[in-house]
Amino acid sequence: MMKIHLSKLCFFGFHGIYDEERLLGNDFEVNIEVGFTPASLPVLHIKDTINYVDVYELVKKRMSTPTPLLETLATDIASAILAQFSLAEQVIISIDKVRPPIEQFKGQLGVSFELKRNG
């Protein structure tokens, strides 16, 4: 299985369950791995792989829609990748909230999700 990686993608968005998050927004970091079996080896043409630019545009569009839960974002993005890219067999995604609204919190928090194509 081959995998493409999109790492440390940075987005600003208004995701969260608290009024402050929906008003002020936050920075988010997204990491995605998409596994697939190339149409041919060696991979010589873009049609034989998954175009990471197209994956990025899909993620960028979804991250621009305010959503209360990171879990919803992660599952929506993973499902959309499998739906849009017929070669995709597996998606692993993580989304971190860079500055969570927790007093004296240092670090990042987030969710990760793995989705495999059925059968």
C-alpha atoms as a PDB file:
ATOM      1  CA  MET A   1       0.000   0.000   0.000  1.00  0.00           C
ATOM      2  CA  MET A   2       1.223   3.487  -0.860  1.00  0.00           C
ATOM      3  CA  LYS A   3       0.308   6.493   1.271  1.00  0.00           C
ATOM      4  CA  ILE A   4       0.224  10.191   0.619  1.00  0.00           C
ATOM      5  CA  HIS A   5       0.706  12.514   3.570  1.00  0.00           C
ATOM      6  CA  LEU A   6      -0.489  16.045   4.164  1.00  0.00           C
ATOM      7  CA  SER A   7       1.135  17.168   7.386  1.00  0.00           C
ATOM      8  CA  LYS A   8       0.790  20.160   9.671  1.00  0.00           C
ATOM      9  CA  LEU A   9      -1.865  21.855   7.562  1.00  0.00           C
ATOM     10  CA  CYS A  10      -2.817  25.098   9.315  1.00  0.00           C
ATOM     11  CA  PHE A  11      -6.317  26.536   9.252  1.00  0.00           C
ATOM     12  CA  PHE A  12      -8.128  29.248  11.160  1.00  0.00           C
ATOM     13  CA  GLY A  13     -11.722  28.432  11.945  1.00  0.00           C
ATOM     14  CA  PHE A  14     -14.668  28.927  14.243  1.00  0.00           C
ATOM     15  CA  HIS A  15     -15.082  25.350  15.443  1.00  0.00           C
ATOM     16  CA  GLY A  16     -16.117  24.612  18.995  1.00  0.00           C
ATOM     17  CA  ILE A  17     -18.998  24.303  21.402  1.00  0.00           C
ATOM     18  CA  TYR A  18     -18.304  27.491  23.373  1.00  0.00           C
ATOM     19  CA  ASP A  19     -19.549  30.941  22.364  1.00  0.00           C
ATOM     20  CA  GLU A  20     -15.995  32.307  22.666  1.00  0.00           C
ATOM     21  CA  GLU A  21     -14.706  29.783  20.123  1.00  0.00           C
ATOM     22  CA  ARG A  22     -17.461  30.557  17.649  1.00  0.00           C
ATOM     23  CA  LEU A  23     -16.839  34.297  18.055  1.00  0.00           C
ATOM     24  CA  LEU A  24     -13.031  34.540  18.219  1.00  0.00           C
ATOM     25  CA  GLY A  25     -11.992  31.437  16.297  1.00  0.00           C
ATOM     26  CA  ASN A  26      -8.875  29.351  16.739  1.00  0.00           C
ATOM     27  CA  ASP A  27      -5.967  27.823  14.865  1.00  0.00           C
ATOM     28  CA  PHE A  28      -6.194  24.167  13.879  1.00  0.00           C
ATOM     29  CA  GLU A  29      -3.590  21.717  12.653  1.00  0.00           C
ATOM     30  CA  VAL A  30      -4.671  18.864  10.382  1.00  0.00           C
ATOM     31  CA  ASN A  31      -2.646  15.780   9.454  1.00  0.00           C
ATOM     32  CA  ILE A  32      -3.906  13.312   6.870  1.00  0.00           C
ATOM     33  CA  GLU A  33      -2.645  10.028   5.497  1.00  0.00           C
ATOM     34  CA  VAL A  34      -4.427   8.421   2.554  1.00  0.00           C
ATOM     35  CA  GLY A  35      -3.567   4.811   1.714  1.00  0.00           C
ATOM     36  CA  PHE A  36      -4.138   3.306  -1.709  1.00  0.00           C
ATOM     37  CA  THR A  37      -2.892   0.691  -4.126  1.00  0.00           C
ATOM     38  CA  PRO A  38      -1.418   2.502  -7.142  1.00  0.00           C
ATOM     39  CA  ALA A  39      -3.086   1.792 -10.463  1.00  0.00           C
ATOM     40  CA  SER A  40       0.322   0.808 -11.853  1.00  0.00           C
ATOM     41  CA  LEU A  41       3.943   0.559 -10.761  1.00  0.00           C
ATOM     42  CA  PRO A  42       6.028   2.522 -11.032  1.00  0.00           C
ATOM     43  CA  VAL A  43       3.687   5.461 -10.551  1.00  0.00           C
ATOM     44  CA  LEU A  44       4.381   7.683 -13.552  1.00  0.00           C
ATOM     45  CA  HIS A  45       1.160   9.646 -14.006  1.00  0.00           C
ATOM     46  CA  ILE A  46      -1.063  11.659 -11.670  1.00  0.00           C
ATOM     47  CA  LYS A  47      -4.045   9.510 -12.717  1.00  0.00           C
ATOM     48  CA  ASP A  48      -2.304   6.522 -11.090  1.00  0.00           C
ATOM     49  CA  THR A  49      -2.185   8.155  -7.670  1.00  0.00           C
ATOM     50  CA  ILE A  50      -4.173  10.514  -5.440  1.00  0.00           C
ATOM     51  CA  ASN A  51      -3.563  14.174  -6.122  1.00  0.00           C
ATOM     52  CA  TYR A  52      -2.659  15.744  -2.788  1.00  0.00           C
ATOM     53  CA  VAL A  53      -3.622  19.198  -4.103  1.00  0.00           C
ATOM     54  CA  ASP A  54      -7.186  17.959  -4.561  1.00  0.00           C
ATOM     55  CA  VAL A  55      -7.143  16.436  -1.062  1.00  0.00           C
ATOM     56  CA  TYR A  56      -5.913  19.747   0.350  1.00  0.00           C
ATOM     57  CA  GLU A  57      -8.690  21.692  -1.393  1.00  0.00           C
ATOM     58  CA  LEU A  58     -11.305  19.294   0.013  1.00  0.00           C
ATOM     59  CA  VAL A  59      -9.927  19.727   3.546  1.00  0.00           C
ATOM     60  CA  LYS A  60      -9.630  23.507   3.183  1.00  0.00           C
ATOM     61  CA  LYS A  61     -13.257  23.802   2.076  1.00  0.00           C
ATOM     62  CA  ARG A  62     -14.569  21.655   4.954  1.00  0.00           C
ATOM     63  CA  MET A  63     -12.430  23.432   7.552  1.00  0.00           C
ATOM     64  CA  SER A  64     -14.023  26.735   6.524  1.00  0.00           C
ATOM     65  CA  THR A  65     -17.466  25.617   7.743  1.00  0.00           C
ATOM     66  CA  PRO A  66     -17.916  26.206  11.506  1.00  0.00           C
ATOM     67  CA  THR A  67     -18.619  22.947  13.300  1.00  0.00           C
ATOM     68  CA  PRO A  68     -19.136  22.376  17.041  1.00  0.00           C
ATOM     69  CA  LEU A  69     -17.127  19.136  17.326  1.00  0.00           C
ATOM     70  CA  LEU A  70     -13.724  18.171  15.946  1.00  0.00           C
ATOM     71  CA  GLU A  71     -15.031  14.607  15.810  1.00  0.00           C
ATOM     72  CA  THR A  72     -17.596  15.722  13.222  1.00  0.00           C
ATOM     73  CA  LEU A  73     -14.934  17.452  11.141  1.00  0.00           C
ATOM     74  CA  ALA A  74     -12.657  14.400  11.197  1.00  0.00           C
ATOM     75  CA  THR A  75     -15.369  11.931  10.191  1.00  0.00           C
ATOM     76  CA  ASP A  76     -16.763  14.249   7.497  1.00  0.00           C
ATOM     77  CA  ILE A  77     -13.343  14.806   5.916  1.00  0.00           C
ATOM     78  CA  ALA A  78     -12.387  11.116   5.984  1.00  0.00           C
ATOM     79  CA  SER A  79     -15.722  10.120   4.437  1.00  0.00           C
ATOM     80  CA  ALA A  80     -15.441  12.809   1.761  1.00  0.00           C
ATOM     81  CA  ILE A  81     -11.948  11.642   0.776  1.00  0.00           C
ATOM     82  CA  LEU A  82     -13.143   8.070   0.320  1.00  0.00           C
ATOM     83  CA  ALA A  83     -16.147   9.312  -1.654  1.00  0.00           C
ATOM     84  CA  GLN A  84     -14.130  11.582  -3.964  1.00  0.00           C
ATOM     85  CA  PHE A  85     -11.083   9.397  -4.603  1.00  0.00           C
ATOM     86  CA  SER A  86     -11.895   5.923  -5.879  1.00  0.00           C
ATOM     87  CA  LEU A  87      -8.298   4.731  -5.360  1.00  0.00           C
ATOM     88  CA  ALA A  88      -8.386   5.641  -1.655  1.00  0.00           C
ATOM     89  CA  GLU A  89      -8.647   2.605   0.607  1.00  0.00           C
ATOM     90  CA  GLN A  90      -7.871   4.142   3.995  1.00  0.00           C
ATOM     91  CA  VAL A  91      -7.815   7.591   5.576  1.00  0.00           C
ATOM     92  CA  ILE A  92      -6.174   8.520   8.849  1.00  0.00           C
ATOM     93  CA  ILE A  93      -6.800  12.052  10.030  1.00  0.00           C
ATOM     94  CA  SER A  94      -5.964  14.060  13.115  1.00  0.00           C
ATOM     95  CA  ILE A  95      -7.192  17.544  13.941  1.00  0.00           C
ATOM     96  CA  ASP A  96      -5.664  19.544  16.776  1.00  0.00           C
ATOM     97  CA  LYS A  97      -7.021  22.712  18.347  1.00  0.00           C
ATOM     98  CA  VAL A  98      -3.910  24.835  18.867  1.00  0.00           C
ATOM     99  CA  ARG A  99      -5.208  27.125  21.641  1.00  0.00           C
ATOM    100  CA  PRO A 100      -8.082  25.388  23.445  1.00  0.00           C
ATOM    101  CA  PRO A 101     -10.185  27.612  25.723  1.00  0.00           C
ATOM    102  CA  ILE A 102      -8.955  25.953  28.914  1.00  0.00           C
ATOM    103  CA  GLU A 103      -7.439  28.168  31.580  1.00  0.00           C
ATOM    104  CA  GLN A 104      -3.682  27.643  32.045  1.00  0.00           C
ATOM    105  CA  PHE A 105      -3.631  24.822  29.479  1.00  0.00           C
ATOM    106  CA  LYS A 106      -0.339  24.287  27.675  1.00  0.00           C
ATOM    107  CA  GLY A 107      -0.178  22.051  24.633  1.00  0.00           C
ATOM    108  CA  GLN A 108      -2.651  21.044  21.986  1.00  0.00           C
ATOM    109  CA  LEU A 109      -5.650  18.778  22.040  1.00  0.00           C
ATOM    110  CA  GLY A 110      -7.535  17.091  19.305  1.00  0.00           C
ATOM    111  CA  VAL A 111      -9.015  13.997  17.753  1.00  0.00           C
ATOM    112  CA  SER A 112      -7.888  11.328  15.342  1.00  0.00           C
ATOM    113  CA  PHE A 113      -9.938   9.011  13.176  1.00  0.00           C
ATOM    114  CA  GLU A 114      -9.242   6.133  10.824  1.00  0.00           C
ATOM    115  CA  LEU A 115     -11.666   5.040   8.123  1.00  0.00           C
ATOM    116  CA  LYS A 116     -11.283   2.143   5.689  1.00  0.00           C
ATOM    117  CA  ARG A 117     -13.257   1.537   2.547  1.00  0.00           C
ATOM    118  CA  ASN A 118     -15.658  -1.390   2.897  1.00  0.00           C
ATOM    119  CA  GLY A 119     -14.868  -4.394   0.913  1.00  0.00           C
END
